[in-house]
Amino acid sequence: MNTPTELKYAASHEWLSEDGTVGISDFAQDQLGDVVYVELPEVGREVTAGDTIAVVESVKTASDIYAPASGTVTAVNEELSGSPELVNSSPYENGWLFKLDVTEERGDLMDAATYTETAES
């Protein structure tokens, strides 16, 4: 399992970078299977940490994506509308979901080591 150490992780498998970029973890995309559709939030939407903000659909299931922080959506990954499989092939680079102007992070975000232990158990 690939878990970059510079990111913070939610128990619900979202990751958050220092610049406010959000995606789902390598573990999550592997559990979902082949991603076929991603419903992204609208730019300008204000969210509270823990809010349902997006949906990722795979051949197995649809999964809600929760905001790992409070803030305003400043960008979405438009490439996913034509290539949702980027979530599988590049969850931390090209398969990011959206960017937030973060005002407050969730208090339960984990570092990579803690997240890896949690995900594997």
N, C-alpha and C. Protein backbone atom coordinates (compact mmCIF):
# COMPACT_ATOMS: atom_id res chain seq x y z
N MET A 1 0.84 -1.18 0.00
CA MET A 1 0.00 0.00 0.00
C MET A 1 0.89 1.24 0.00
N ASN A 2 0.61 2.15 -0.92
CA ASN A 2 1.35 3.40 -1.04
C ASN A 2 0.68 4.45 -0.17
N THR A 3 1.41 4.99 0.81
CA THR A 3 0.86 5.99 1.73
C THR A 3 1.90 7.10 1.91
N PRO A 4 1.86 8.13 1.05
CA PRO A 4 2.85 9.20 1.16
C PRO A 4 2.85 9.85 2.55
N THR A 5 4.04 10.07 3.08
CA THR A 5 4.19 10.56 4.44
C THR A 5 3.87 12.05 4.59
N GLU A 6 3.87 12.80 3.50
CA GLU A 6 3.62 14.24 3.61
C GLU A 6 2.13 14.60 3.69
N LEU A 7 1.27 13.59 3.56
CA LEU A 7 -0.18 13.82 3.58
C LEU A 7 -0.78 13.48 4.93
N LYS A 8 -1.99 13.99 5.17
CA LYS A 8 -2.78 13.62 6.34
C LYS A 8 -3.97 12.80 5.83
N TYR A 9 -4.44 11.87 6.66
CA TYR A 9 -5.47 10.92 6.24
C TYR A 9 -6.63 10.88 7.22
N ALA A 10 -7.84 10.69 6.67
CA ALA A 10 -9.03 10.50 7.48
C ALA A 10 -9.33 9.01 7.57
N ALA A 11 -10.01 8.60 8.63
CA ALA A 11 -10.39 7.20 8.78
C ALA A 11 -11.30 6.76 7.64
N SER A 12 -11.97 7.71 7.00
CA SER A 12 -12.86 7.41 5.86
C SER A 12 -12.08 7.36 4.55
N HIS A 13 -10.74 7.40 4.60
CA HIS A 13 -9.81 7.15 3.51
C HIS A 13 -9.55 8.32 2.57
N GLU A 14 -9.94 9.53 2.94
CA GLU A 14 -9.55 10.70 2.16
C GLU A 14 -8.17 11.16 2.62
N TRP A 15 -7.44 11.79 1.70
CA TRP A 15 -6.16 12.39 2.09
C TRP A 15 -6.23 13.90 1.84
N LEU A 16 -5.40 14.63 2.57
CA LEU A 16 -5.33 16.08 2.48
C LEU A 16 -3.87 16.49 2.44
N SER A 17 -3.52 17.30 1.44
CA SER A 17 -2.15 17.81 1.35
C SER A 17 -2.08 19.20 1.99
N GLU A 18 -0.87 19.69 2.19
CA GLU A 18 -0.69 21.01 2.80
C GLU A 18 -1.31 22.11 1.97
N ASP A 19 -1.39 21.94 0.64
CA ASP A 19 -1.98 22.98 -0.21
C ASP A 19 -3.49 22.84 -0.36
N GLY A 20 -4.12 21.91 0.39
CA GLY A 20 -5.56 21.76 0.36
C GLY A 20 -6.10 20.79 -0.68
N THR A 21 -5.21 20.09 -1.38
CA THR A 21 -5.65 19.10 -2.35
C THR A 21 -6.20 17.88 -1.61
N VAL A 22 -7.31 17.31 -2.13
CA VAL A 22 -7.98 16.18 -1.50
C VAL A 22 -8.16 15.07 -2.52
N GLY A 23 -7.97 13.84 -2.07
CA GLY A 23 -8.22 12.67 -2.90
C GLY A 23 -8.54 11.49 -2.01
N ILE A 24 -8.60 10.30 -2.61
CA ILE A 24 -8.78 9.10 -1.80
C ILE A 24 -7.49 8.30 -1.82
N SER A 25 -7.26 7.56 -0.78
CA SER A 25 -6.00 6.83 -0.61
C SER A 25 -5.87 5.67 -1.59
N ASP A 26 -4.64 5.21 -1.72
CA ASP A 26 -4.35 4.03 -2.53
C ASP A 26 -5.14 2.83 -2.00
N PHE A 27 -5.21 2.70 -0.68
CA PHE A 27 -5.97 1.61 -0.06
C PHE A 27 -7.44 1.71 -0.49
N ALA A 28 -8.02 2.89 -0.43
CA ALA A 28 -9.43 3.07 -0.78
C ALA A 28 -9.71 2.74 -2.23
N GLN A 29 -8.87 3.23 -3.13
CA GLN A 29 -9.11 2.95 -4.55
C GLN A 29 -8.99 1.46 -4.83
N ASP A 30 -8.08 0.78 -4.13
CA ASP A 30 -7.92 -0.66 -4.30
C ASP A 30 -9.16 -1.40 -3.82
N GLN A 31 -9.72 -0.98 -2.70
CA GLN A 31 -10.93 -1.61 -2.17
C GLN A 31 -12.14 -1.37 -3.07
N LEU A 32 -12.20 -0.19 -3.69
CA LEU A 32 -13.32 0.13 -4.58
C LEU A 32 -13.31 -0.68 -5.86
N GLY A 33 -12.13 -0.96 -6.37
CA GLY A 33 -12.04 -1.59 -7.69
C GLY A 33 -12.06 -0.51 -8.76
N ASP A 34 -12.39 -0.90 -9.97
CA ASP A 34 -12.32 0.02 -11.11
C ASP A 34 -13.31 1.17 -10.97
N VAL A 35 -12.78 2.39 -10.86
CA VAL A 35 -13.62 3.58 -10.74
C VAL A 35 -14.17 3.92 -12.13
N VAL A 36 -15.48 4.13 -12.20
CA VAL A 36 -16.13 4.41 -13.48
C VAL A 36 -16.76 5.80 -13.55
N TYR A 37 -16.91 6.46 -12.41
CA TYR A 37 -17.53 7.79 -12.41
C TYR A 37 -17.18 8.51 -11.11
N VAL A 38 -16.96 9.81 -11.22
CA VAL A 38 -16.69 10.64 -10.04
C VAL A 38 -17.60 11.86 -10.10
N GLU A 39 -18.37 12.06 -9.04
CA GLU A 39 -19.21 13.26 -8.91
C GLU A 39 -18.47 14.23 -8.02
N LEU A 40 -18.07 15.36 -8.58
CA LEU A 40 -17.26 16.34 -7.86
C LEU A 40 -18.11 17.50 -7.35
N PRO A 41 -17.63 18.19 -6.32
CA PRO A 41 -18.37 19.35 -5.80
C PRO A 41 -18.24 20.55 -6.75
N GLU A 42 -19.07 21.55 -6.54
CA GLU A 42 -18.98 22.78 -7.32
C GLU A 42 -17.91 23.69 -6.73
N VAL A 43 -17.15 24.33 -7.61
CA VAL A 43 -16.18 25.33 -7.16
C VAL A 43 -16.97 26.45 -6.47
N GLY A 44 -16.46 26.89 -5.34
CA GLY A 44 -17.11 27.93 -4.57
C GLY A 44 -17.95 27.40 -3.42
N ARG A 45 -18.20 26.09 -3.42
CA ARG A 45 -19.00 25.49 -2.34
C ARG A 45 -18.23 25.57 -1.03
N GLU A 46 -18.92 25.99 0.01
CA GLU A 46 -18.33 26.00 1.34
C GLU A 46 -18.73 24.72 2.05
N VAL A 47 -17.75 24.08 2.69
CA VAL A 47 -18.01 22.81 3.37
C VAL A 47 -17.47 22.84 4.79
N THR A 48 -18.07 22.03 5.61
CA THR A 48 -17.60 21.82 6.97
C THR A 48 -16.94 20.45 7.02
N ALA A 49 -15.86 20.35 7.76
CA ALA A 49 -15.17 19.06 7.91
C ALA A 49 -16.17 17.97 8.26
N GLY A 50 -16.11 16.87 7.51
CA GLY A 50 -17.00 15.74 7.75
C GLY A 50 -18.21 15.72 6.82
N ASP A 51 -18.49 16.83 6.13
CA ASP A 51 -19.60 16.86 5.18
C ASP A 51 -19.35 15.91 4.02
N THR A 52 -20.42 15.31 3.50
CA THR A 52 -20.33 14.56 2.25
C THR A 52 -20.12 15.60 1.15
N ILE A 53 -19.07 15.41 0.35
CA ILE A 53 -18.73 16.44 -0.63
C ILE A 53 -18.64 15.91 -2.06
N ALA A 54 -18.45 14.60 -2.23
CA ALA A 54 -18.32 14.02 -3.56
C ALA A 54 -18.74 12.55 -3.49
N VAL A 55 -18.81 11.93 -4.67
CA VAL A 55 -19.13 10.50 -4.75
C VAL A 55 -18.20 9.86 -5.77
N VAL A 56 -17.65 8.72 -5.41
CA VAL A 56 -16.83 7.93 -6.33
C VAL A 56 -17.58 6.61 -6.58
N GLU A 57 -17.86 6.34 -7.86
CA GLU A 57 -18.56 5.11 -8.21
C GLU A 57 -17.59 4.15 -8.91
N SER A 58 -17.67 2.89 -8.49
CA SER A 58 -16.85 1.86 -9.11
C SER A 58 -17.77 0.77 -9.64
N VAL A 59 -17.17 -0.25 -10.25
CA VAL A 59 -17.98 -1.36 -10.72
C VAL A 59 -18.61 -2.12 -9.56
N LYS A 60 -18.06 -1.96 -8.35
CA LYS A 60 -18.57 -2.65 -7.16
C LYS A 60 -19.62 -1.86 -6.41
N THR A 61 -19.41 -0.53 -6.25
CA THR A 61 -20.23 0.25 -5.33
C THR A 61 -20.06 1.74 -5.58
N ALA A 62 -20.85 2.54 -4.91
CA ALA A 62 -20.66 3.99 -4.87
C ALA A 62 -20.27 4.36 -3.45
N SER A 63 -19.29 5.24 -3.31
CA SER A 63 -18.81 5.64 -1.99
C SER A 63 -18.85 7.15 -1.84
N ASP A 64 -19.39 7.60 -0.72
CA ASP A 64 -19.38 9.02 -0.41
C ASP A 64 -17.96 9.43 -0.04
N ILE A 65 -17.61 10.65 -0.41
CA ILE A 65 -16.33 11.24 -0.04
C ILE A 65 -16.63 12.37 0.93
N TYR A 66 -15.92 12.39 2.04
CA TYR A 66 -16.15 13.36 3.10
C TYR A 66 -15.04 14.40 3.14
N ALA A 67 -15.41 15.62 3.44
CA ALA A 67 -14.42 16.70 3.52
C ALA A 67 -13.50 16.48 4.72
N PRO A 68 -12.18 16.40 4.49
CA PRO A 68 -11.25 16.22 5.60
C PRO A 68 -10.97 17.53 6.34
N ALA A 69 -11.53 18.62 5.82
CA ALA A 69 -11.32 19.93 6.43
C ALA A 69 -12.49 20.84 6.06
N SER A 70 -12.65 21.89 6.83
CA SER A 70 -13.62 22.93 6.48
C SER A 70 -12.95 23.91 5.53
N GLY A 71 -13.74 24.52 4.66
CA GLY A 71 -13.19 25.51 3.74
C GLY A 71 -14.06 25.67 2.52
N THR A 72 -13.48 26.28 1.50
CA THR A 72 -14.18 26.55 0.25
C THR A 72 -13.50 25.78 -0.88
N VAL A 73 -14.28 25.13 -1.72
CA VAL A 73 -13.74 24.41 -2.88
C VAL A 73 -13.21 25.45 -3.88
N THR A 74 -11.94 25.34 -4.21
CA THR A 74 -11.31 26.30 -5.13
C THR A 74 -11.06 25.71 -6.51
N ALA A 75 -11.06 24.38 -6.63
CA ALA A 75 -10.80 23.72 -7.92
C ALA A 75 -11.29 22.29 -7.84
N VAL A 76 -11.63 21.74 -9.00
CA VAL A 76 -11.95 20.32 -9.11
C VAL A 76 -11.11 19.74 -10.23
N ASN A 77 -10.87 18.45 -10.18
CA ASN A 77 -10.05 17.79 -11.20
C ASN A 77 -10.94 17.44 -12.40
N GLU A 78 -10.98 18.35 -13.36
CA GLU A 78 -11.83 18.20 -14.55
C GLU A 78 -11.46 16.96 -15.37
N GLU A 79 -10.21 16.51 -15.28
CA GLU A 79 -9.77 15.34 -16.04
C GLU A 79 -10.57 14.09 -15.67
N LEU A 80 -11.10 14.04 -14.45
CA LEU A 80 -11.81 12.85 -13.99
C LEU A 80 -13.13 12.62 -14.72
N SER A 81 -13.72 13.68 -15.30
CA SER A 81 -14.99 13.49 -16.01
C SER A 81 -14.80 12.59 -17.23
N GLY A 82 -13.67 12.67 -17.88
CA GLY A 82 -13.39 11.82 -19.03
C GLY A 82 -12.53 10.62 -18.71
N SER A 83 -11.83 10.68 -17.58
CA SER A 83 -10.90 9.61 -17.21
C SER A 83 -10.98 9.30 -15.72
N PRO A 84 -12.12 8.78 -15.24
CA PRO A 84 -12.25 8.51 -13.81
C PRO A 84 -11.26 7.46 -13.31
N GLU A 85 -10.73 6.66 -14.23
CA GLU A 85 -9.76 5.62 -13.85
C GLU A 85 -8.46 6.20 -13.30
N LEU A 86 -8.24 7.51 -13.46
CA LEU A 86 -7.06 8.14 -12.87
C LEU A 86 -7.05 7.99 -11.35
N VAL A 87 -8.23 7.88 -10.74
CA VAL A 87 -8.31 7.66 -9.29
C VAL A 87 -7.63 6.34 -8.94
N ASN A 88 -7.75 5.33 -9.81
CA ASN A 88 -7.11 4.04 -9.58
C ASN A 88 -5.62 4.07 -9.91
N SER A 89 -5.28 4.62 -11.05
CA SER A 89 -3.90 4.52 -11.53
C SER A 89 -2.96 5.54 -10.87
N SER A 90 -3.51 6.64 -10.36
CA SER A 90 -2.66 7.70 -9.82
C SER A 90 -3.39 8.44 -8.70
N PRO A 91 -3.70 7.75 -7.59
CA PRO A 91 -4.54 8.37 -6.56
C PRO A 91 -3.94 9.61 -5.90
N TYR A 92 -2.62 9.76 -5.93
CA TYR A 92 -1.99 10.89 -5.26
C TYR A 92 -1.49 11.96 -6.23
N GLU A 93 -1.42 11.67 -7.49
CA GLU A 93 -0.92 12.65 -8.44
C GLU A 93 -2.05 13.13 -9.36
N ASN A 94 -2.37 12.36 -10.39
CA ASN A 94 -3.35 12.78 -11.38
C ASN A 94 -4.80 12.49 -10.98
N GLY A 95 -5.00 11.65 -9.97
CA GLY A 95 -6.35 11.26 -9.58
C GLY A 95 -6.90 12.02 -8.39
N TRP A 96 -6.32 13.17 -8.06
CA TRP A 96 -6.86 13.99 -6.98
C TRP A 96 -8.29 14.41 -7.35
N LEU A 97 -9.09 14.76 -6.33
CA LEU A 97 -10.50 15.07 -6.57
C LEU A 97 -10.78 16.57 -6.62
N PHE A 98 -10.40 17.29 -5.58
CA PHE A 98 -10.69 18.73 -5.52
C PHE A 98 -9.69 19.41 -4.60
N LYS A 99 -9.72 20.74 -4.61
CA LYS A 99 -8.85 21.53 -3.74
C LYS A 99 -9.71 22.42 -2.86
N LEU A 100 -9.26 22.56 -1.62
CA LEU A 100 -9.95 23.41 -0.65
C LEU A 100 -9.05 24.55 -0.20
N ASP A 101 -9.67 25.71 0.03
CA ASP A 101 -9.02 26.78 0.77
C ASP A 101 -9.39 26.46 2.22
N VAL A 102 -8.49 25.80 2.92
CA VAL A 102 -8.78 25.22 4.24
C VAL A 102 -8.86 26.30 5.31
N THR A 103 -9.95 26.25 6.08
CA THR A 103 -10.09 27.13 7.23
C THR A 103 -9.86 26.37 8.53
N GLU A 104 -10.18 25.07 8.53
CA GLU A 104 -9.96 24.24 9.73
C GLU A 104 -9.96 22.77 9.35
N GLU A 105 -8.92 22.05 9.77
CA GLU A 105 -8.83 20.61 9.50
C GLU A 105 -9.65 19.83 10.52
N ARG A 106 -10.08 18.64 10.13
CA ARG A 106 -10.71 17.74 11.09
C ARG A 106 -9.68 17.39 12.15
N GLY A 107 -10.12 17.23 13.37
CA GLY A 107 -9.21 16.92 14.47
C GLY A 107 -8.70 15.50 14.47
N ASP A 108 -9.36 14.62 13.70
CA ASP A 108 -8.99 13.21 13.73
C ASP A 108 -8.13 12.76 12.55
N LEU A 109 -7.54 13.71 11.82
CA LEU A 109 -6.68 13.31 10.71
C LEU A 109 -5.42 12.64 11.23
N MET A 110 -4.96 11.63 10.49
CA MET A 110 -3.82 10.81 10.93
C MET A 110 -2.61 11.03 10.04
N ASP A 111 -1.44 10.75 10.60
CA ASP A 111 -0.25 10.71 9.77
C ASP A 111 -0.24 9.39 9.01
N ALA A 112 0.71 9.26 8.09
CA ALA A 112 0.75 8.08 7.22
C ALA A 112 0.89 6.77 7.99
N ALA A 113 1.76 6.73 8.99
CA ALA A 113 1.98 5.50 9.75
C ALA A 113 0.72 5.06 10.48
N THR A 114 0.05 6.01 11.13
CA THR A 114 -1.18 5.68 11.86
C THR A 114 -2.26 5.24 10.90
N TYR A 115 -2.39 5.94 9.77
CA TYR A 115 -3.41 5.57 8.77
C TYR A 115 -3.15 4.16 8.23
N THR A 116 -1.89 3.84 7.94
CA THR A 116 -1.56 2.52 7.40
C THR A 116 -1.95 1.44 8.39
N GLU A 117 -1.65 1.64 9.68
CA GLU A 117 -2.04 0.67 10.71
C GLU A 117 -3.55 0.51 10.77
N THR A 118 -4.27 1.63 10.71
CA THR A 118 -5.74 1.61 10.78
C THR A 118 -6.33 0.90 9.56
N ALA A 119 -5.84 1.23 8.37
CA ALA A 119 -6.37 0.66 7.14
C ALA A 119 -6.11 -0.85 7.06
N GLU A 120 -4.97 -1.28 7.54
CA GLU A 120 -4.63 -2.71 7.45
C GLU A 120 -5.30 -3.56 8.50
N SER A 121 -5.89 -2.95 9.52
CA SER A 121 -6.52 -3.74 10.57
C SER A 121 -8.02 -3.92 10.34
